[in-house]
């Protein structure tokens, strides 16, 4: 009898979870229905297991969200004794690119910074030059090899950052995956919302590199300075995230520490017809709305 009661409760719980996921997905589709672009997303409450997705397994351009797996690979290299946080990385003209960050525009060539500081700039300010300095030290292929060890094979770093506008540089630092013709349309990197959410779940569960390293990486992500997407409507809830932007794209991947559970999410909006780098870009506003809906819909009541 007791076994039957437990089975009944499990079936009932599964039904409730499915109902929540379906109703939330309908609400999300309603919100994005008239949006002039393609929206891909995946989110999961790590405390209940309830998840929802839209095009979650479709490959997307990552823009700067690929800096998240780059950070993981650096922490892994340090843990294995292949690098030291204190080793100096040099700012050079070859690695300097325009776009986000301060190293490319405010720091002189030849300045040396500890690798830890360069990594922090890559994540917290999304510094593009810092990213190139990291990829010069570790290579895109080494990051992809680390992702293979995690069982993440859809996400690939493809090359270094070229900059933007009139300061666009020739592409360099190609990985083996980046040299494949069909991948070159993705630019810096390719991933899927499900992959990014899986990385974040492993990170939050202290499963990457070591428990201490996982927690340190989350602390770094919590200092991300871009609050235009996931963070925008969270009302002070702690968020650990990394954003990305291109002319037609906005993306954000992160963990929201809500009172109803720890919710990982990855959202990409691409194909927008209007170039707008203001904080109120339509894609950023949509990500903010979707993130709030995901937290409200997936949070344990």
C-alpha atoms as a PDB file:
ATOM      1  CA  UNK A   1       0.000   0.000   0.000  1.00  0.00           C
ATOM      2  CA  UNK A   2       2.791   2.411   0.944  1.00  0.00           C
ATOM      3  CA  UNK A   3       4.546   1.749  -2.361  1.00  0.00           C
ATOM      4  CA  UNK A   4       1.322   2.463  -4.250  1.00  0.00           C
ATOM      5  CA  UNK A   5       0.875   5.755  -2.386  1.00  0.00           C
ATOM      6  CA  UNK A   6       4.456   6.821  -3.186  1.00  0.00           C
ATOM      7  CA  UNK A   7       3.959   5.915  -6.854  1.00  0.00           C
ATOM      8  CA  UNK A   8       0.732   7.923  -6.939  1.00  0.00           C
ATOM      9  CA  UNK A   9       2.499  10.948  -5.455  1.00  0.00           C
ATOM     10  CA  UNK A  10       5.296  10.686  -8.004  1.00  0.00           C
ATOM     11  CA  UNK A  11       2.828  10.502 -10.876  1.00  0.00           C
ATOM     12  CA  UNK A  12       0.913  13.459  -9.480  1.00  0.00           C
ATOM     13  CA  UNK A  13       4.124  15.455  -9.082  1.00  0.00           C
ATOM     14  CA  UNK A  14       5.187  14.671 -12.643  1.00  0.00           C
ATOM     15  CA  UNK A  15       1.805  15.821 -13.876  1.00  0.00           C
ATOM     16  CA  UNK A  16       2.100  19.117 -11.992  1.00  0.00           C
ATOM     17  CA  UNK A  17       5.612  19.696 -13.369  1.00  0.00           C
ATOM     18  CA  UNK A  18       4.455  18.998 -16.916  1.00  0.00           C
ATOM     19  CA  UNK A  19       1.520  21.360 -16.467  1.00  0.00           C
ATOM     20  CA  UNK A  20       3.779  24.144 -15.160  1.00  0.00           C
ATOM     21  CA  UNK A  21       6.207  23.683 -18.029  1.00  0.00           C
ATOM     22  CA  UNK A  22       3.483  23.678 -20.681  1.00  0.00           C
ATOM     23  CA  UNK A  23       1.650  26.730 -19.349  1.00  0.00           C
ATOM     24  CA  UNK A  24       4.900  28.640 -18.979  1.00  0.00           C
ATOM     25  CA  UNK A  25       5.968  27.726 -22.485  1.00  0.00           C
ATOM     26  CA  UNK A  26       2.665  28.989 -23.854  1.00  0.00           C
ATOM     27  CA  UNK A  27       3.137  32.289 -22.014  1.00  0.00           C
ATOM     28  CA  UNK A  28       6.701  32.609 -23.325  1.00  0.00           C
ATOM     29  CA  UNK A  29       5.611  31.931 -26.905  1.00  0.00           C
ATOM     30  CA  UNK A  30       2.908  34.559 -26.581  1.00  0.00           C
ATOM     31  CA  UNK A  31       5.490  37.121 -25.447  1.00  0.00           C
ATOM     32  CA  UNK A  32       7.869  36.414 -28.347  1.00  0.00           C
ATOM     33  CA  UNK A  33       5.232  35.882 -31.044  1.00  0.00           C
ATOM     34  CA  UNK A  34       5.518  39.328 -32.647  1.00  0.00           C
ATOM     35  CA  UNK A  35       9.203  39.879 -31.954  1.00  0.00           C
ATOM     36  CA  UNK A  36      11.255  40.579 -35.113  1.00  0.00           C
ATOM     37  CA  UNK A  37      13.937  37.989 -34.493  1.00  0.00           C
ATOM     38  CA  UNK A  38      14.625  34.395 -33.466  1.00  0.00           C
ATOM     39  CA  UNK A  39      14.455  33.499 -29.778  1.00  0.00           C
ATOM     40  CA  UNK A  40      16.082  30.413 -28.269  1.00  0.00           C
ATOM     41  CA  UNK A  41      16.008  29.618 -24.559  1.00  0.00           C
ATOM     42  CA  UNK A  42      16.254  26.978 -21.884  1.00  0.00           C
ATOM     43  CA  UNK A  43      15.713  27.258 -18.138  1.00  0.00           C
ATOM     44  CA  UNK A  44      15.617  24.831 -15.228  1.00  0.00           C
ATOM     45  CA  UNK A  45      14.854  25.088 -11.528  1.00  0.00           C
ATOM     46  CA  UNK A  46      17.698  23.103  -9.985  1.00  0.00           C
ATOM     47  CA  UNK A  47      15.720  22.488  -6.792  1.00  0.00           C
ATOM     48  CA  UNK A  48      12.587  21.062  -8.430  1.00  0.00           C
ATOM     49  CA  UNK A  49      13.889  19.767 -11.743  1.00  0.00           C
ATOM     50  CA  UNK A  50      11.161  21.569 -13.690  1.00  0.00           C
ATOM     51  CA  UNK A  51      12.472  22.880 -17.015  1.00  0.00           C
ATOM     52  CA  UNK A  52      11.204  24.679 -20.094  1.00  0.00           C
ATOM     53  CA  UNK A  53      12.730  25.308 -23.504  1.00  0.00           C
ATOM     54  CA  UNK A  54      12.163  26.858 -26.903  1.00  0.00           C
ATOM     55  CA  UNK A  55      14.595  25.855 -29.684  1.00  0.00           C
ATOM     56  CA  UNK A  56      16.864  24.883 -26.804  1.00  0.00           C
ATOM     57  CA  UNK A  57      18.987  22.467 -28.852  1.00  0.00           C
ATOM     58  CA  UNK A  58      19.437  24.699 -31.893  1.00  0.00           C
ATOM     59  CA  UNK A  59      22.982  26.080 -32.379  1.00  0.00           C
ATOM     60  CA  UNK A  60      23.258  29.827 -31.784  1.00  0.00           C
ATOM     61  CA  UNK A  61      25.922  32.492 -32.067  1.00  0.00           C
ATOM     62  CA  UNK A  62      27.338  32.989 -28.607  1.00  0.00           C
ATOM     63  CA  UNK A  63      28.892  36.432 -28.835  1.00  0.00           C
ATOM     64  CA  UNK A  64      30.563  37.053 -25.451  1.00  0.00           C
ATOM     65  CA  UNK A  65      28.723  34.315 -23.565  1.00  0.00           C
ATOM     66  CA  UNK A  66      31.464  31.991 -24.864  1.00  0.00           C
ATOM     67  CA  UNK A  67      33.706  33.688 -22.305  1.00  0.00           C
ATOM     68  CA  UNK A  68      32.001  31.525 -19.670  1.00  0.00           C
ATOM     69  CA  UNK A  69      33.492  28.215 -20.920  1.00  0.00           C
ATOM     70  CA  UNK A  70      36.794  30.000 -21.569  1.00  0.00           C
ATOM     71  CA  UNK A  71      36.874  30.886 -17.868  1.00  0.00           C
ATOM     72  CA  UNK A  72      36.182  27.261 -16.915  1.00  0.00           C
ATOM     73  CA  UNK A  73      39.122  26.032 -18.982  1.00  0.00           C
ATOM     74  CA  UNK A  74      41.475  28.543 -17.368  1.00  0.00           C
ATOM     75  CA  UNK A  75      40.449  27.471 -13.863  1.00  0.00           C
ATOM     76  CA  UNK A  76      40.983  23.845 -14.900  1.00  0.00           C
ATOM     77  CA  UNK A  77      44.465  24.593 -16.248  1.00  0.00           C
ATOM     78  CA  UNK A  78      45.437  26.330 -13.005  1.00  0.00           C
ATOM     79  CA  UNK A  79      44.086  23.426 -10.937  1.00  0.00           C
ATOM     80  CA  UNK A  80      46.198  20.983 -12.984  1.00  0.00           C
ATOM     81  CA  UNK A  81      49.360  23.069 -12.502  1.00  0.00           C
ATOM     82  CA  UNK A  82      49.563  24.134 -16.149  1.00  0.00           C
ATOM     83  CA  UNK A  83      49.237  27.822 -15.299  1.00  0.00           C
ATOM     84  CA  UNK A  84      49.462  30.186 -12.331  1.00  0.00           C
ATOM     85  CA  UNK A  85      47.122  33.014 -11.445  1.00  0.00           C
ATOM     86  CA  UNK A  86      50.091  35.282 -10.809  1.00  0.00           C
ATOM     87  CA  UNK A  87      51.791  34.749 -14.181  1.00  0.00           C
ATOM     88  CA  UNK A  88      51.946  37.975 -16.189  1.00  0.00           C
ATOM     89  CA  UNK A  89      50.085  38.440 -19.457  1.00  0.00           C
ATOM     90  CA  UNK A  90      51.210  41.306 -21.678  1.00  0.00           C
ATOM     91  CA  UNK A  91      48.930  43.790 -23.411  1.00  0.00           C
ATOM     92  CA  UNK A  92      50.017  43.910 -27.056  1.00  0.00           C
ATOM     93  CA  UNK A  93      48.862  45.685 -30.200  1.00  0.00           C
ATOM     94  CA  UNK A  94      48.196  42.295 -31.810  1.00  0.00           C
ATOM     95  CA  UNK A  95      45.645  41.339 -29.139  1.00  0.00           C
ATOM     96  CA  UNK A  96      44.031  44.763 -28.771  1.00  0.00           C
ATOM     97  CA  UNK A  97      40.554  45.018 -30.287  1.00  0.00           C
ATOM     98  CA  UNK A  98      37.693  47.475 -30.068  1.00  0.00           C
ATOM     99  CA  UNK A  99      34.373  46.840 -28.370  1.00  0.00           C
ATOM    100  CA  UNK A 100      33.730  46.174 -24.713  1.00  0.00           C
ATOM    101  CA  UNK A 101      36.350  46.567 -22.017  1.00  0.00           C
ATOM    102  CA  UNK A 102      39.213  48.902 -21.165  1.00  0.00           C
ATOM    103  CA  UNK A 103      42.431  47.145 -22.184  1.00  0.00           C
ATOM    104  CA  UNK A 104      42.049  47.875 -25.885  1.00  0.00           C
ATOM    105  CA  UNK A 105      41.546  51.609 -25.472  1.00  0.00           C
ATOM    106  CA  UNK A 106      42.935  52.700 -22.095  1.00  0.00           C
ATOM    107  CA  UNK A 107      46.006  50.558 -21.371  1.00  0.00           C
ATOM    108  CA  UNK A 108      49.397  50.989 -23.038  1.00  0.00           C
ATOM    109  CA  UNK A 109      51.098  48.284 -25.062  1.00  0.00           C
ATOM    110  CA  UNK A 110      53.620  46.366 -22.991  1.00  0.00           C
ATOM    111  CA  UNK A 111      51.734  46.614 -19.695  1.00  0.00           C
ATOM    112  CA  UNK A 112      51.736  43.300 -17.832  1.00  0.00           C
ATOM    113  CA  UNK A 113      48.827  42.136 -15.696  1.00  0.00           C
ATOM    114  CA  UNK A 114      48.399  39.017 -13.541  1.00  0.00           C
ATOM    115  CA  UNK A 115      46.387  36.372 -15.353  1.00  0.00           C
ATOM    116  CA  UNK A 116      43.728  36.467 -12.620  1.00  0.00           C
ATOM    117  CA  UNK A 117      43.120  40.178 -13.287  1.00  0.00           C
ATOM    118  CA  UNK A 118      42.881  39.590 -17.040  1.00  0.00           C
ATOM    119  CA  UNK A 119      40.315  36.850 -16.504  1.00  0.00           C
ATOM    120  CA  UNK A 120      38.269  39.073 -14.183  1.00  0.00           C
ATOM    121  CA  UNK A 121      38.219  41.792 -16.847  1.00  0.00           C
ATOM    122  CA  UNK A 122      37.092  39.240 -19.444  1.00  0.00           C
ATOM    123  CA  UNK A 123      34.042  38.312 -17.362  1.00  0.00           C
ATOM    124  CA  UNK A 124      33.156  41.351 -15.268  1.00  0.00           C
ATOM    125  CA  UNK A 125      33.609  43.964 -18.035  1.00  0.00           C
ATOM    126  CA  UNK A 126      33.451  41.486 -20.939  1.00  0.00           C
ATOM    127  CA  UNK A 127      36.802  42.919 -22.061  1.00  0.00           C
ATOM    128  CA  UNK A 128      37.506  41.757 -25.616  1.00  0.00           C
ATOM    129  CA  UNK A 129      41.249  42.388 -25.470  1.00  0.00           C
ATOM    130  CA  UNK A 130      41.459  40.441 -22.215  1.00  0.00           C
ATOM    131  CA  UNK A 131      39.707  37.551 -23.971  1.00  0.00           C
ATOM    132  CA  UNK A 132      42.249  37.577 -26.794  1.00  0.00           C
ATOM    133  CA  UNK A 133      45.080  37.624 -24.258  1.00  0.00           C
ATOM    134  CA  UNK A 134      43.583  34.565 -22.543  1.00  0.00           C
ATOM    135  CA  UNK A 135      43.104  32.756 -25.865  1.00  0.00           C
ATOM    136  CA  UNK A 136      46.675  33.601 -26.844  1.00  0.00           C
ATOM    137  CA  UNK A 137      47.857  31.941 -23.639  1.00  0.00           C
ATOM    138  CA  UNK A 138      45.569  28.878 -23.748  1.00  0.00           C
ATOM    139  CA  UNK A 139      44.215  28.595 -27.342  1.00  0.00           C
ATOM    140  CA  UNK A 140      40.652  28.004 -28.439  1.00  0.00           C
ATOM    141  CA  UNK A 141      41.404  24.325 -29.065  1.00  0.00           C
ATOM    142  CA  UNK A 142      42.398  23.800 -25.426  1.00  0.00           C
ATOM    143  CA  UNK A 143      39.083  25.261 -24.295  1.00  0.00           C
ATOM    144  CA  UNK A 144      37.227  22.906 -26.626  1.00  0.00           C
ATOM    145  CA  UNK A 145      39.252  19.954 -25.339  1.00  0.00           C
ATOM    146  CA  UNK A 146      38.146  20.824 -21.813  1.00  0.00           C
ATOM    147  CA  UNK A 147      34.520  21.035 -22.960  1.00  0.00           C
ATOM    148  CA  UNK A 148      34.896  17.563 -24.478  1.00  0.00           C
ATOM    149  CA  UNK A 149      35.953  16.281 -21.048  1.00  0.00           C
ATOM    150  CA  UNK A 150      32.688  17.660 -19.651  1.00  0.00           C
ATOM    151  CA  UNK A 151      30.663  15.941 -22.359  1.00  0.00           C
ATOM    152  CA  UNK A 152      29.754  19.328 -23.876  1.00  0.00           C
ATOM    153  CA  UNK A 153      30.383  18.901 -27.604  1.00  0.00           C
ATOM    154  CA  UNK A 154      27.998  21.375 -29.242  1.00  0.00           C
ATOM    155  CA  UNK A 155      29.648  24.400 -27.631  1.00  0.00           C
ATOM    156  CA  UNK A 156      32.866  25.462 -29.383  1.00  0.00           C
ATOM    157  CA  UNK A 157      35.209  28.439 -29.202  1.00  0.00           C
ATOM    158  CA  UNK A 158      35.913  29.217 -32.860  1.00  0.00           C
ATOM    159  CA  UNK A 159      38.468  32.050 -32.899  1.00  0.00           C
ATOM    160  CA  UNK A 160      39.713  35.226 -31.229  1.00  0.00           C
ATOM    161  CA  UNK A 161      37.674  38.438 -31.234  1.00  0.00           C
ATOM    162  CA  UNK A 162      38.078  40.753 -34.233  1.00  0.00           C
ATOM    163  CA  UNK A 163      36.679  43.968 -32.749  1.00  0.00           C
ATOM    164  CA  UNK A 164      33.963  45.986 -34.432  1.00  0.00           C
ATOM    165  CA  UNK A 165      33.149  48.706 -36.928  1.00  0.00           C
ATOM    166  CA  UNK A 166      36.023  50.368 -38.782  1.00  0.00           C
ATOM    167  CA  UNK A 167      38.526  48.790 -36.352  1.00  0.00           C
ATOM    168  CA  UNK A 168      37.661  45.228 -37.350  1.00  0.00           C
ATOM    169  CA  UNK A 169      40.790  43.065 -37.509  1.00  0.00           C
ATOM    170  CA  UNK A 170      41.513  39.984 -39.546  1.00  0.00           C
ATOM    171  CA  UNK A 171      40.320  36.825 -37.856  1.00  0.00           C
ATOM    172  CA  UNK A 172      42.997  34.880 -35.983  1.00  0.00           C
ATOM    173  CA  UNK A 173      43.419  32.228 -33.329  1.00  0.00           C
ATOM    174  CA  UNK A 174      41.201  29.745 -35.142  1.00  0.00           C
ATOM    175  CA  UNK A 175      40.327  26.459 -33.479  1.00  0.00           C
ATOM    176  CA  UNK A 176      39.930  23.285 -35.510  1.00  0.00           C
ATOM    177  CA  UNK A 177      36.154  23.704 -35.182  1.00  0.00           C
ATOM    178  CA  UNK A 178      36.430  27.314 -36.320  1.00  0.00           C
ATOM    179  CA  UNK A 179      38.107  26.273 -39.562  1.00  0.00           C
ATOM    180  CA  UNK A 180      35.090  24.189 -40.571  1.00  0.00           C
ATOM    181  CA  UNK A 181      33.306  26.302 -43.231  1.00  0.00           C
ATOM    182  CA  UNK A 182      29.811  25.722 -41.821  1.00  0.00           C
ATOM    183  CA  UNK A 183      30.894  27.074 -38.418  1.00  0.00           C
ATOM    184  CA  UNK A 184      32.329  30.365 -39.617  1.00  0.00           C
ATOM    185  CA  UNK A 185      28.887  31.973 -39.693  1.00  0.00           C
ATOM    186  CA  UNK A 186      28.842  31.814 -35.883  1.00  0.00           C
ATOM    187  CA  UNK A 187      31.812  34.133 -35.389  1.00  0.00           C
ATOM    188  CA  UNK A 188      33.501  33.897 -31.991  1.00  0.00           C
ATOM    189  CA  UNK A 189      31.661  30.817 -30.767  1.00  0.00           C
ATOM    190  CA  UNK A 190      28.705  28.471 -31.103  1.00  0.00           C
ATOM    191  CA  UNK A 191      26.567  26.854 -28.425  1.00  0.00           C
ATOM    192  CA  UNK A 192      22.981  25.953 -27.544  1.00  0.00           C
ATOM    193  CA  UNK A 193      20.797  27.192 -24.681  1.00  0.00           C
ATOM    194  CA  UNK A 194      20.711  23.651 -23.288  1.00  0.00           C
ATOM    195  CA  UNK A 195      24.520  23.449 -23.298  1.00  0.00           C
ATOM    196  CA  UNK A 196      24.940  26.762 -21.504  1.00  0.00           C
ATOM    197  CA  UNK A 197      22.346  25.809 -18.907  1.00  0.00           C
ATOM    198  CA  UNK A 198      24.108  22.464 -18.393  1.00  0.00           C
ATOM    199  CA  UNK A 199      27.408  24.274 -17.774  1.00  0.00           C
ATOM    200  CA  UNK A 200      25.742  26.583 -15.268  1.00  0.00           C
ATOM    201  CA  UNK A 201      24.077  23.653 -13.512  1.00  0.00           C
ATOM    202  CA  UNK A 202      27.421  21.867 -13.128  1.00  0.00           C
ATOM    203  CA  UNK A 203      28.931  25.097 -11.839  1.00  0.00           C
ATOM    204  CA  UNK A 204      26.198  25.669  -9.264  1.00  0.00           C
ATOM    205  CA  UNK A 205      26.407  22.056  -8.101  1.00  0.00           C
ATOM    206  CA  UNK A 206      30.182  22.502  -7.485  1.00  0.00           C
ATOM    207  CA  UNK A 207      31.011  19.901 -10.134  1.00  0.00           C
ATOM    208  CA  UNK A 208      33.470  21.900 -12.272  1.00  0.00           C
ATOM    209  CA  UNK A 209      37.208  21.794 -11.535  1.00  0.00           C
ATOM    210  CA  UNK A 210      36.662  21.634  -7.749  1.00  0.00           C
ATOM    211  CA  UNK A 211      34.002  22.833  -5.278  1.00  0.00           C
ATOM    212  CA  UNK A 212      36.192  25.805  -4.319  1.00  0.00           C
ATOM    213  CA  UNK A 213      36.880  26.726  -7.943  1.00  0.00           C
ATOM    214  CA  UNK A 214      33.191  26.404  -8.852  1.00  0.00           C
ATOM    215  CA  UNK A 215      32.217  28.750  -6.049  1.00  0.00           C
ATOM    216  CA  UNK A 216      34.926  31.241  -7.014  1.00  0.00           C
ATOM    217  CA  UNK A 217      33.732  31.310 -10.624  1.00  0.00           C
ATOM    218  CA  UNK A 218      30.185  32.029  -9.472  1.00  0.00           C
ATOM    219  CA  UNK A 219      31.490  34.921  -7.366  1.00  0.00           C
ATOM    220  CA  UNK A 220      33.152  36.343 -10.492  1.00  0.00           C
ATOM    221  CA  UNK A 221      29.936  35.961 -12.528  1.00  0.00           C
ATOM    222  CA  UNK A 222      28.002  37.762  -9.801  1.00  0.00           C
ATOM    223  CA  UNK A 223      30.161  40.829 -10.488  1.00  0.00           C
ATOM    224  CA  UNK A 224      29.127  41.029 -14.165  1.00  0.00           C
ATOM    225  CA  UNK A 225      28.465  44.723 -14.869  1.00  0.00           C
ATOM    226  CA  UNK A 226      25.862  44.263 -17.621  1.00  0.00           C
ATOM    227  CA  UNK A 227      22.422  44.478 -16.024  1.00  0.00           C
ATOM    228  CA  UNK A 228      20.413  45.043 -19.207  1.00  0.00           C
ATOM    229  CA  UNK A 229      19.098  41.472 -19.545  1.00  0.00           C
ATOM    230  CA  UNK A 230      18.517  38.821 -16.888  1.00  0.00           C
ATOM    231  CA  UNK A 231      19.386  41.153 -14.020  1.00  0.00           C
ATOM    232  CA  UNK A 232      17.097  43.992 -15.110  1.00  0.00           C
ATOM    233  CA  UNK A 233      13.824  42.896 -13.492  1.00  0.00           C
ATOM    234  CA  UNK A 234      15.096  40.679 -10.652  1.00  0.00           C
ATOM    235  CA  UNK A 235      14.412  43.192  -7.891  1.00  0.00           C
ATOM    236  CA  UNK A 236      17.668  42.659  -6.070  1.00  0.00           C
ATOM    237  CA  UNK A 237      17.783  38.851  -6.288  1.00  0.00           C
ATOM    238  CA  UNK A 238      21.368  37.549  -6.565  1.00  0.00           C
ATOM    239  CA  UNK A 239      22.323  36.780 -10.168  1.00  0.00           C
ATOM    240  CA  UNK A 240      25.479  35.202 -11.611  1.00  0.00           C
ATOM    241  CA  UNK A 241      25.561  35.786 -15.360  1.00  0.00           C
ATOM    242  CA  UNK A 242      27.432  36.532 -18.569  1.00  0.00           C
ATOM    243  CA  UNK A 243      26.012  38.552 -21.430  1.00  0.00           C
ATOM    244  CA  UNK A 244      26.781  38.851 -25.129  1.00  0.00           C
ATOM    245  CA  UNK A 245      25.930  41.312 -27.884  1.00  0.00           C
ATOM    246  CA  UNK A 246      26.325  41.764 -31.626  1.00  0.00           C
ATOM    247  CA  UNK A 247      24.599  44.119 -34.034  1.00  0.00           C
ATOM    248  CA  UNK A 248      21.583  41.820 -34.439  1.00  0.00           C
ATOM    249  CA  UNK A 249      21.996  39.712 -31.293  1.00  0.00           C
ATOM    250  CA  UNK A 250      21.631  39.847 -27.536  1.00  0.00           C
ATOM    251  CA  UNK A 251      22.258  36.889 -25.241  1.00  0.00           C
ATOM    252  CA  UNK A 252      22.445  36.244 -21.524  1.00  0.00           C
ATOM    253  CA  UNK A 253      23.207  33.096 -19.550  1.00  0.00           C
ATOM    254  CA  UNK A 254      22.998  32.941 -15.790  1.00  0.00           C
ATOM    255  CA  UNK A 255      21.783  31.651 -12.462  1.00  0.00           C
ATOM    256  CA  UNK A 256      19.041  33.455 -10.559  1.00  0.00           C
ATOM    257  CA  UNK A 257      18.937  32.714  -6.835  1.00  0.00           C
ATOM    258  CA  UNK A 258      15.222  33.108  -6.272  1.00  0.00           C
ATOM    259  CA  UNK A 259      13.302  32.300  -3.120  1.00  0.00           C
ATOM    260  CA  UNK A 260      11.606  29.536  -5.095  1.00  0.00           C
ATOM    261  CA  UNK A 261      14.784  27.826  -6.209  1.00  0.00           C
ATOM    262  CA  UNK A 262      18.053  28.245  -8.073  1.00  0.00           C
ATOM    263  CA  UNK A 263      17.117  28.810 -11.682  1.00  0.00           C
ATOM    264  CA  UNK A 264      19.634  28.454 -14.512  1.00  0.00           C
ATOM    265  CA  UNK A 265      18.731  30.001 -17.832  1.00  0.00           C
ATOM    266  CA  UNK A 266      20.209  30.745 -21.238  1.00  0.00           C
ATOM    267  CA  UNK A 267      18.460  33.114 -23.652  1.00  0.00           C
ATOM    268  CA  UNK A 268      19.550  34.205 -27.135  1.00  0.00           C
ATOM    269  CA  UNK A 269      17.780  36.710 -29.376  1.00  0.00           C
ATOM    270  CA  UNK A 270      19.161  36.967 -32.929  1.00  0.00           C
ATOM    271  CA  UNK A 271      18.163  38.403 -36.288  1.00  0.00           C
ATOM    272  CA  UNK A 272      16.978  41.786 -35.023  1.00  0.00           C
ATOM    273  CA  UNK A 273      16.669  44.242 -37.932  1.00  0.00           C
ATOM    274  CA  UNK A 274      17.728  47.381 -36.025  1.00  0.00           C
ATOM    275  CA  UNK A 275      21.227  48.017 -34.687  1.00  0.00           C
ATOM    276  CA  UNK A 276      20.944  49.556 -31.219  1.00  0.00           C
ATOM    277  CA  UNK A 277      23.641  49.457 -28.554  1.00  0.00           C
ATOM    278  CA  UNK A 278      21.711  51.378 -25.940  1.00  0.00           C
ATOM    279  CA  UNK A 279      20.665  49.651 -22.680  1.00  0.00           C
ATOM    280  CA  UNK A 280      17.087  49.596 -23.979  1.00  0.00           C
ATOM    281  CA  UNK A 281      17.835  47.503 -27.044  1.00  0.00           C
ATOM    282  CA  UNK A 282      14.685  45.554 -27.921  1.00  0.00           C
ATOM    283  CA  UNK A 283      16.505  42.248 -27.466  1.00  0.00           C
ATOM    284  CA  UNK A 284      17.728  43.201 -24.006  1.00  0.00           C
ATOM    285  CA  UNK A 285      14.229  44.224 -22.979  1.00  0.00           C
ATOM    286  CA  UNK A 286      12.838  40.947 -24.286  1.00  0.00           C
ATOM    287  CA  UNK A 287      15.472  38.945 -22.387  1.00  0.00           C
ATOM    288  CA  UNK A 288      14.582  40.868 -19.236  1.00  0.00           C
ATOM    289  CA  UNK A 289      10.887  40.057 -19.673  1.00  0.00           C
ATOM    290  CA  UNK A 290      11.526  36.399 -20.453  1.00  0.00           C
ATOM    291  CA  UNK A 291      13.897  36.017 -17.496  1.00  0.00           C
ATOM    292  CA  UNK A 292      11.282  37.421 -15.132  1.00  0.00           C
ATOM    293  CA  UNK A 293       8.656  35.090 -16.588  1.00  0.00           C
ATOM    294  CA  UNK A 294      10.990  32.121 -16.205  1.00  0.00           C
ATOM    295  CA  UNK A 295      11.732  32.894 -12.568  1.00  0.00           C
ATOM    296  CA  UNK A 296       8.080  33.502 -11.718  1.00  0.00           C
ATOM    297  CA  UNK A 297       6.949  30.433 -13.635  1.00  0.00           C
ATOM    298  CA  UNK A 298       9.579  27.979 -12.451  1.00  0.00           C
ATOM    299  CA  UNK A 299       9.958  29.126  -8.856  1.00  0.00           C
ATOM    300  CA  UNK A 300       8.685  26.668  -6.281  1.00  0.00           C
ATOM    301  CA  UNK A 301       5.559  28.094  -4.698  1.00  0.00           C
END
